[in-house]
């Protein structure tokens, strides 16, 4: 139980929510012209957190010129949503665009609050030319095999010989199928050679040939080379992550959060005028310099802390609806066609 002094300080500073359109006016005033806002949640999939986060994000986009949303989700899955909201994808609806979020818990992103936001963002973007449209990006690294497929698909379009070399390198993972944890276990305990050299070589080749590959982008969307390179970087970090899983929780946590922070910085470097809203669990957003898990997103940004606003979300009392492992089949909360 918090002390009386803590409760008193909270009560003096608190601004009550009345569920009026002006609830977040003080927050937007505080954010000012900062270009990076991190909005957390105390539990994944909680309607109240997701609803309020979407409301704040909409106002940041409409009133403050924010033009990117980056989520604690996998890059390839979010890329499908990115293409949809910018009007260049093949999906006909927001529901279809969220279809790649199949990894448990699918309801983390395939839920009605995210669905409504993606639909709104698509309609909002129709008012602008393509270069000015808001993007939607994934920060996480669980998509090792999906990212491998994305790299190969890109190279097949622009450099078939390069695709053959990449396929040969990535074949290192073939013995384990889609079971990334089995790979991590075997590689960590010396039961098989790890794939680090292969994934590093692939990323180095793509970076070395970046100008040549990007010049062939007339056959694909302008951002496709950058997205392919990001997928190659994700494969490298995911390989590290699955080996680190068996070296201790702090080690794997830091590999994962370093990847998310690096992806965030990469977005800011490749899009210098981008103002980003991050959606992630509270545990990724706090300043963790004094802990073993020191590689949190905002911790990476703290040196320029005046440009970053981290916002946590929690509740005193709540009701939880449990979802069985059955959700890993991809049904989520609004099902699958």
Protein backbone atom coordinates (compact mmCIF):
# COMPACT_ATOMS: atom_id res chain seq x y z
CA UNK A 1 0.00 0.00 0.00
CA UNK A 2 1.48 3.42 -0.96
CA UNK A 3 2.31 5.76 1.89
CA UNK A 4 0.16 8.78 2.67
CA UNK A 5 2.83 11.11 1.30
CA UNK A 6 2.93 9.26 -2.03
CA UNK A 7 -0.86 9.24 -2.31
CA UNK A 8 -0.95 12.93 -1.49
CA UNK A 9 1.62 13.72 -4.19
CA UNK A 10 -0.33 11.68 -6.74
CA UNK A 11 -3.59 13.41 -5.87
CA UNK A 12 -2.02 16.85 -6.25
CA UNK A 13 -0.61 16.02 -9.68
CA UNK A 14 -3.45 13.87 -11.04
CA UNK A 15 -5.75 15.07 -13.80
CA UNK A 16 -9.00 13.06 -13.72
CA UNK A 17 -10.39 11.44 -16.87
CA UNK A 18 -14.01 12.39 -17.47
CA UNK A 19 -14.22 10.71 -20.90
CA UNK A 20 -14.70 14.05 -22.61
CA UNK A 21 -12.96 15.08 -25.85
CA UNK A 22 -10.66 17.38 -23.84
CA UNK A 23 -9.35 14.80 -21.35
CA UNK A 24 -5.91 14.70 -22.92
CA UNK A 25 -5.45 18.43 -23.59
CA UNK A 26 -2.94 18.80 -20.70
CA UNK A 27 -1.02 15.77 -21.97
CA UNK A 28 -0.73 17.14 -25.49
CA UNK A 29 0.39 20.47 -24.11
CA UNK A 30 3.07 18.69 -22.08
CA UNK A 31 4.25 16.71 -25.11
CA UNK A 32 4.73 19.96 -27.00
CA UNK A 33 6.92 19.55 -30.07
CA UNK A 34 8.67 16.36 -28.93
CA UNK A 35 9.02 13.76 -31.64
CA UNK A 36 8.94 10.46 -29.75
CA UNK A 37 6.12 9.33 -27.46
CA UNK A 38 6.18 5.85 -25.87
CA UNK A 39 2.75 4.66 -24.71
CA UNK A 40 2.68 1.54 -22.56
CA UNK A 41 0.17 -0.94 -21.22
CA UNK A 42 0.18 -2.95 -18.00
CA UNK A 43 -1.24 -6.03 -19.75
CA UNK A 44 -1.43 -7.08 -23.38
CA UNK A 45 -4.81 -6.99 -25.07
CA UNK A 46 -6.61 -4.94 -22.40
CA UNK A 47 -9.45 -2.98 -24.00
CA UNK A 48 -9.21 0.10 -21.77
CA UNK A 49 -5.47 0.56 -22.35
CA UNK A 50 -5.76 -0.01 -26.09
CA UNK A 51 -8.76 2.30 -26.48
CA UNK A 52 -7.14 5.21 -24.65
CA UNK A 53 -3.79 4.69 -26.37
CA UNK A 54 -5.51 4.82 -29.76
CA UNK A 55 -7.32 8.03 -28.77
CA UNK A 56 -4.07 9.70 -27.72
CA UNK A 57 -2.33 8.49 -30.88
CA UNK A 58 -5.09 9.84 -33.12
CA UNK A 59 -4.73 13.26 -31.53
CA UNK A 60 -0.94 13.15 -31.89
CA UNK A 61 -1.34 12.37 -35.59
CA UNK A 62 -4.06 14.95 -36.23
CA UNK A 63 -2.80 17.79 -34.02
CA UNK A 64 0.94 17.23 -33.61
CA UNK A 65 1.93 15.84 -37.00
CA UNK A 66 3.06 12.40 -35.84
CA UNK A 67 3.53 10.22 -38.88
CA UNK A 68 4.58 6.76 -37.65
CA UNK A 69 3.22 4.16 -35.25
CA UNK A 70 5.72 1.50 -34.11
CA UNK A 71 4.39 -1.47 -32.16
CA UNK A 72 5.71 -4.36 -30.06
CA UNK A 73 4.95 -6.64 -32.98
CA UNK A 74 6.95 -8.39 -35.67
CA UNK A 75 8.22 -6.38 -38.64
CA UNK A 76 6.76 -8.53 -41.47
CA UNK A 77 3.31 -8.68 -39.85
CA UNK A 78 3.23 -4.92 -39.30
CA UNK A 79 4.53 -4.32 -42.84
CA UNK A 80 1.31 -5.77 -44.23
CA UNK A 81 -0.66 -3.25 -42.16
CA UNK A 82 1.78 -0.50 -43.23
CA UNK A 83 1.05 -1.16 -46.88
CA UNK A 84 -2.70 -1.24 -46.27
CA UNK A 85 -2.93 2.04 -44.32
CA UNK A 86 -0.79 3.79 -46.95
CA UNK A 87 -3.03 2.51 -49.75
CA UNK A 88 -0.42 0.40 -51.56
CA UNK A 89 -1.28 -3.07 -50.28
CA UNK A 90 -3.40 -5.86 -51.70
CA UNK A 91 -5.81 -6.12 -48.75
CA UNK A 92 -9.36 -4.83 -49.03
CA UNK A 93 -9.97 -4.19 -45.33
CA UNK A 94 -8.24 -3.53 -42.03
CA UNK A 95 -9.33 -6.98 -40.89
CA UNK A 96 -7.53 -8.59 -43.81
CA UNK A 97 -4.43 -6.44 -43.25
CA UNK A 98 -4.10 -7.76 -39.68
CA UNK A 99 -4.16 -11.33 -40.96
CA UNK A 100 -0.44 -12.01 -40.48
CA UNK A 101 -0.63 -11.62 -36.70
CA UNK A 102 -0.97 -15.34 -36.03
CA UNK A 103 1.69 -15.96 -33.38
CA UNK A 104 0.31 -16.50 -29.87
CA UNK A 105 -1.14 -14.35 -28.43
CA UNK A 106 -2.86 -13.39 -31.69
CA UNK A 107 -5.30 -11.18 -29.79
CA UNK A 108 -2.42 -8.90 -28.76
CA UNK A 109 -2.83 -7.10 -32.10
CA UNK A 110 -5.78 -8.85 -33.77
CA UNK A 111 -8.43 -7.25 -31.58
CA UNK A 112 -11.27 -4.80 -32.12
CA UNK A 113 -9.43 -1.73 -30.77
CA UNK A 114 -6.49 -2.19 -33.14
CA UNK A 115 -8.88 -3.04 -35.96
CA UNK A 116 -10.76 0.25 -35.45
CA UNK A 117 -7.50 2.23 -35.32
CA UNK A 118 -6.10 0.65 -38.50
CA UNK A 119 -9.38 1.34 -40.30
CA UNK A 120 -9.30 4.97 -39.11
CA UNK A 121 -5.65 5.39 -40.14
CA UNK A 122 -6.37 4.08 -43.63
CA UNK A 123 -9.19 6.62 -44.05
CA UNK A 124 -7.08 9.43 -42.54
CA UNK A 125 -4.23 8.73 -44.96
CA UNK A 126 -6.49 9.09 -47.99
CA UNK A 127 -6.36 12.85 -47.45
CA UNK A 128 -2.63 12.98 -48.24
CA UNK A 129 -0.19 12.16 -51.01
CA UNK A 130 1.71 8.90 -50.55
CA UNK A 131 4.96 10.42 -49.16
CA UNK A 132 2.99 12.21 -46.43
CA UNK A 133 0.96 9.22 -45.25
CA UNK A 134 1.40 7.80 -41.76
CA UNK A 135 3.30 4.51 -41.52
CA UNK A 136 2.85 1.46 -39.28
CA UNK A 137 5.92 -0.52 -38.22
CA UNK A 138 6.89 -3.53 -36.10
CA UNK A 139 9.76 -3.44 -33.60
CA UNK A 140 9.97 -7.06 -32.46
CA UNK A 141 12.13 -9.98 -33.62
CA UNK A 142 10.17 -13.22 -33.26
CA UNK A 143 9.62 -13.51 -37.02
CA UNK A 144 12.87 -15.24 -37.98
CA UNK A 145 11.36 -17.45 -40.69
CA UNK A 146 8.88 -14.85 -41.95
CA UNK A 147 11.75 -12.38 -42.30
CA UNK A 148 13.85 -14.96 -44.15
CA UNK A 149 10.97 -15.42 -46.60
CA UNK A 150 10.65 -11.65 -47.00
CA UNK A 151 14.36 -11.28 -47.84
CA UNK A 152 14.19 -14.10 -50.36
CA UNK A 153 11.00 -12.75 -51.97
CA UNK A 154 12.60 -9.34 -52.41
CA UNK A 155 15.82 -10.72 -53.88
CA UNK A 156 13.89 -12.97 -56.29
CA UNK A 157 12.40 -9.79 -57.79
CA UNK A 158 15.58 -7.74 -58.09
CA UNK A 159 18.54 -10.16 -57.94
CA UNK A 160 17.80 -13.87 -58.55
CA UNK A 161 21.48 -14.82 -58.17
CA UNK A 162 21.62 -12.99 -54.86
CA UNK A 163 18.48 -14.87 -53.82
CA UNK A 164 20.28 -18.18 -54.46
CA UNK A 165 23.17 -17.12 -52.24
CA UNK A 166 20.77 -16.01 -49.51
CA UNK A 167 18.81 -19.26 -49.73
CA UNK A 168 22.03 -21.23 -49.33
CA UNK A 169 23.00 -19.24 -46.22
CA UNK A 170 19.59 -19.41 -44.59
CA UNK A 171 19.43 -23.17 -45.23
CA UNK A 172 21.48 -23.40 -42.03
CA UNK A 173 18.15 -23.25 -40.14
CA UNK A 174 16.44 -25.96 -42.23
CA UNK A 175 17.22 -28.84 -39.85
CA UNK A 176 14.85 -27.31 -37.29
CA UNK A 177 11.94 -26.34 -39.51
CA UNK A 178 9.96 -23.52 -37.85
CA UNK A 179 11.06 -24.54 -34.34
CA UNK A 180 13.29 -21.61 -33.45
CA UNK A 181 13.62 -22.61 -29.80
CA UNK A 182 14.94 -26.03 -30.80
CA UNK A 183 17.57 -24.26 -32.89
CA UNK A 184 18.48 -22.00 -29.97
CA UNK A 185 18.82 -24.96 -27.60
CA UNK A 186 20.96 -27.01 -29.99
CA UNK A 187 23.21 -24.07 -30.92
CA UNK A 188 23.63 -22.91 -27.30
CA UNK A 189 24.74 -26.35 -26.06
CA UNK A 190 26.97 -27.18 -29.00
CA UNK A 191 24.67 -29.83 -30.44
CA UNK A 192 24.81 -28.12 -33.83
CA UNK A 193 26.80 -25.34 -35.46
CA UNK A 194 25.14 -21.98 -34.99
CA UNK A 195 24.08 -19.87 -37.99
CA UNK A 196 25.67 -16.61 -36.89
CA UNK A 197 28.28 -16.46 -39.65
CA UNK A 198 25.67 -17.07 -42.33
CA UNK A 199 23.20 -14.39 -41.20
CA UNK A 200 26.01 -11.86 -40.71
CA UNK A 201 27.33 -12.57 -44.21
CA UNK A 202 23.89 -12.07 -45.71
CA UNK A 203 23.35 -8.70 -44.04
CA UNK A 204 26.88 -7.56 -45.01
CA UNK A 205 26.27 -8.48 -48.65
CA UNK A 206 22.98 -6.59 -48.75
CA UNK A 207 24.55 -3.51 -47.18
CA UNK A 208 27.56 -3.68 -49.51
CA UNK A 209 25.29 -3.88 -52.53
CA UNK A 210 22.66 -1.47 -51.19
CA UNK A 211 23.11 1.15 -53.91
CA UNK A 212 22.89 -1.46 -56.66
CA UNK A 213 19.85 -3.19 -55.15
CA UNK A 214 18.04 0.06 -54.43
CA UNK A 215 18.62 1.19 -58.03
CA UNK A 216 16.62 -1.83 -59.19
CA UNK A 217 13.64 -0.76 -57.11
CA UNK A 218 11.79 0.33 -60.24
CA UNK A 219 10.35 -3.17 -60.22
CA UNK A 220 9.10 -2.88 -56.63
CA UNK A 221 7.85 -0.28 -54.13
CA UNK A 222 10.36 2.48 -53.21
CA UNK A 223 10.71 1.32 -49.59
CA UNK A 224 11.16 -2.34 -50.43
CA UNK A 225 14.96 -2.37 -50.28
CA UNK A 226 14.96 -0.70 -46.85
CA UNK A 227 12.36 -3.18 -45.62
CA UNK A 228 14.35 -6.12 -47.00
CA UNK A 229 17.51 -4.92 -45.26
CA UNK A 230 15.55 -4.53 -42.03
CA UNK A 231 14.32 -8.12 -42.37
CA UNK A 232 17.92 -9.30 -42.86
CA UNK A 233 18.91 -7.37 -39.71
CA UNK A 234 15.99 -8.96 -37.88
CA UNK A 235 17.16 -12.46 -38.88
CA UNK A 236 20.60 -11.69 -37.46
CA UNK A 237 19.19 -10.44 -34.15
CA UNK A 238 16.59 -13.20 -33.91
CA UNK A 239 19.36 -15.80 -34.29
CA UNK A 240 21.17 -14.14 -31.37
CA UNK A 241 17.96 -13.98 -29.36
CA UNK A 242 17.09 -17.68 -29.67
CA UNK A 243 20.61 -18.65 -28.58
CA UNK A 244 20.47 -16.15 -25.69
CA UNK A 245 17.22 -17.70 -24.41
CA UNK A 246 19.26 -20.46 -22.83
CA UNK A 247 21.83 -18.12 -21.30
CA UNK A 248 19.40 -16.41 -18.89
CA UNK A 249 16.34 -14.22 -18.99
CA UNK A 250 18.21 -10.91 -18.69
CA UNK A 251 20.48 -11.74 -21.63
CA UNK A 252 17.65 -12.63 -24.01
CA UNK A 253 15.59 -9.68 -22.79
CA UNK A 254 18.42 -7.28 -23.59
CA UNK A 255 19.00 -8.78 -27.05
CA UNK A 256 15.31 -8.30 -27.81
CA UNK A 257 15.05 -4.75 -26.47
CA UNK A 258 18.31 -3.74 -28.14
CA UNK A 259 16.78 -4.87 -31.43
CA UNK A 260 13.61 -2.88 -30.78
CA UNK A 261 15.62 0.22 -29.84
CA UNK A 262 17.89 -0.19 -32.88
CA UNK A 263 14.84 -0.51 -35.13
CA UNK A 264 13.37 2.64 -33.64
CA UNK A 265 16.60 4.56 -34.19
CA UNK A 266 16.86 3.16 -37.73
CA UNK A 267 13.37 4.49 -38.48
CA UNK A 268 14.38 7.91 -37.21
CA UNK A 269 17.61 7.88 -39.25
CA UNK A 270 16.02 6.75 -42.52
CA UNK A 271 13.09 9.13 -42.03
CA UNK A 272 14.64 12.20 -40.34
CA UNK A 273 11.35 14.14 -40.15
CA UNK A 274 9.44 11.24 -38.64
CA UNK A 275 7.59 11.71 -35.34
CA UNK A 276 6.88 8.31 -33.81
CA UNK A 277 4.36 6.89 -31.35
CA UNK A 278 5.48 3.58 -29.83
CA UNK A 279 2.96 1.01 -28.53
CA UNK A 280 4.49 -1.57 -26.17
CA UNK A 281 4.19 -3.11 -22.72
CA UNK A 282 5.19 -0.87 -19.82
CA UNK A 283 8.11 -3.20 -19.07
CA UNK A 284 9.83 -2.17 -22.32
CA UNK A 285 9.42 1.55 -21.87
CA UNK A 286 10.74 2.48 -18.42
CA UNK A 287 14.22 3.70 -17.61
CA UNK A 288 16.00 0.50 -16.55
CA UNK A 289 19.58 1.74 -16.22
CA UNK A 290 19.84 0.42 -12.67
CA UNK A 291 18.69 -3.11 -13.54
CA UNK A 292 20.13 -6.11 -15.36
CA UNK A 293 17.55 -5.52 -18.09
CA UNK A 294 19.07 -2.22 -19.08
CA UNK A 295 18.32 -2.19 -22.80
CA UNK A 296 14.80 -0.79 -22.69
CA UNK A 297 13.52 1.45 -25.45
CA UNK A 298 13.42 4.68 -23.48
CA UNK A 299 16.68 3.82 -21.69
CA UNK A 300 18.38 3.87 -25.08
CA UNK A 301 16.91 7.31 -25.68
CA UNK A 302 17.46 8.79 -22.20
CA UNK A 303 20.63 10.69 -23.20
CA UNK A 304 18.31 12.87 -25.29
CA UNK A 305 15.52 12.49 -22.77
CA UNK A 306 14.06 15.93 -23.42
CA UNK A 307 12.85 14.66 -26.79
CA UNK A 308 11.15 11.56 -25.36
CA UNK A 309 7.88 11.20 -23.48
CA UNK A 310 7.35 7.74 -21.87
CA UNK A 311 3.75 7.12 -20.72
CA UNK A 312 2.79 4.09 -18.68
CA UNK A 313 -0.74 2.73 -18.25
CA UNK A 314 -2.04 0.71 -15.34
CA UNK A 315 -5.16 0.21 -13.26
CA UNK A 316 -5.98 -0.42 -9.61
CA UNK A 317 -8.70 -2.98 -10.22
CA UNK A 318 -9.59 -4.94 -13.34
CA UNK A 319 -11.41 -7.96 -14.73
CA UNK A 320 -9.44 -10.43 -16.83
CA UNK A 321 -10.83 -12.70 -19.53
CA UNK A 322 -8.58 -15.72 -20.04
CA UNK A 323 -7.91 -17.03 -23.53
CA UNK A 324 -6.81 -20.61 -24.13
CA UNK A 325 -3.78 -21.63 -26.13
CA UNK A 326 -6.30 -22.28 -28.90
CA UNK A 327 -5.79 -18.60 -29.81
CA UNK A 328 -2.41 -19.55 -31.28
CA UNK A 329 -4.34 -20.95 -34.26
CA UNK A 330 -4.80 -17.35 -35.34
CA UNK A 331 -8.47 -16.74 -34.56
CA UNK A 332 -7.81 -13.76 -32.32
CA UNK A 333 -10.85 -11.93 -30.96
CA UNK A 334 -12.54 -11.33 -34.29
CA UNK A 335 -11.81 -14.71 -35.85
CA UNK A 336 -10.23 -15.62 -39.13
CA UNK A 337 -11.86 -16.00 -42.55
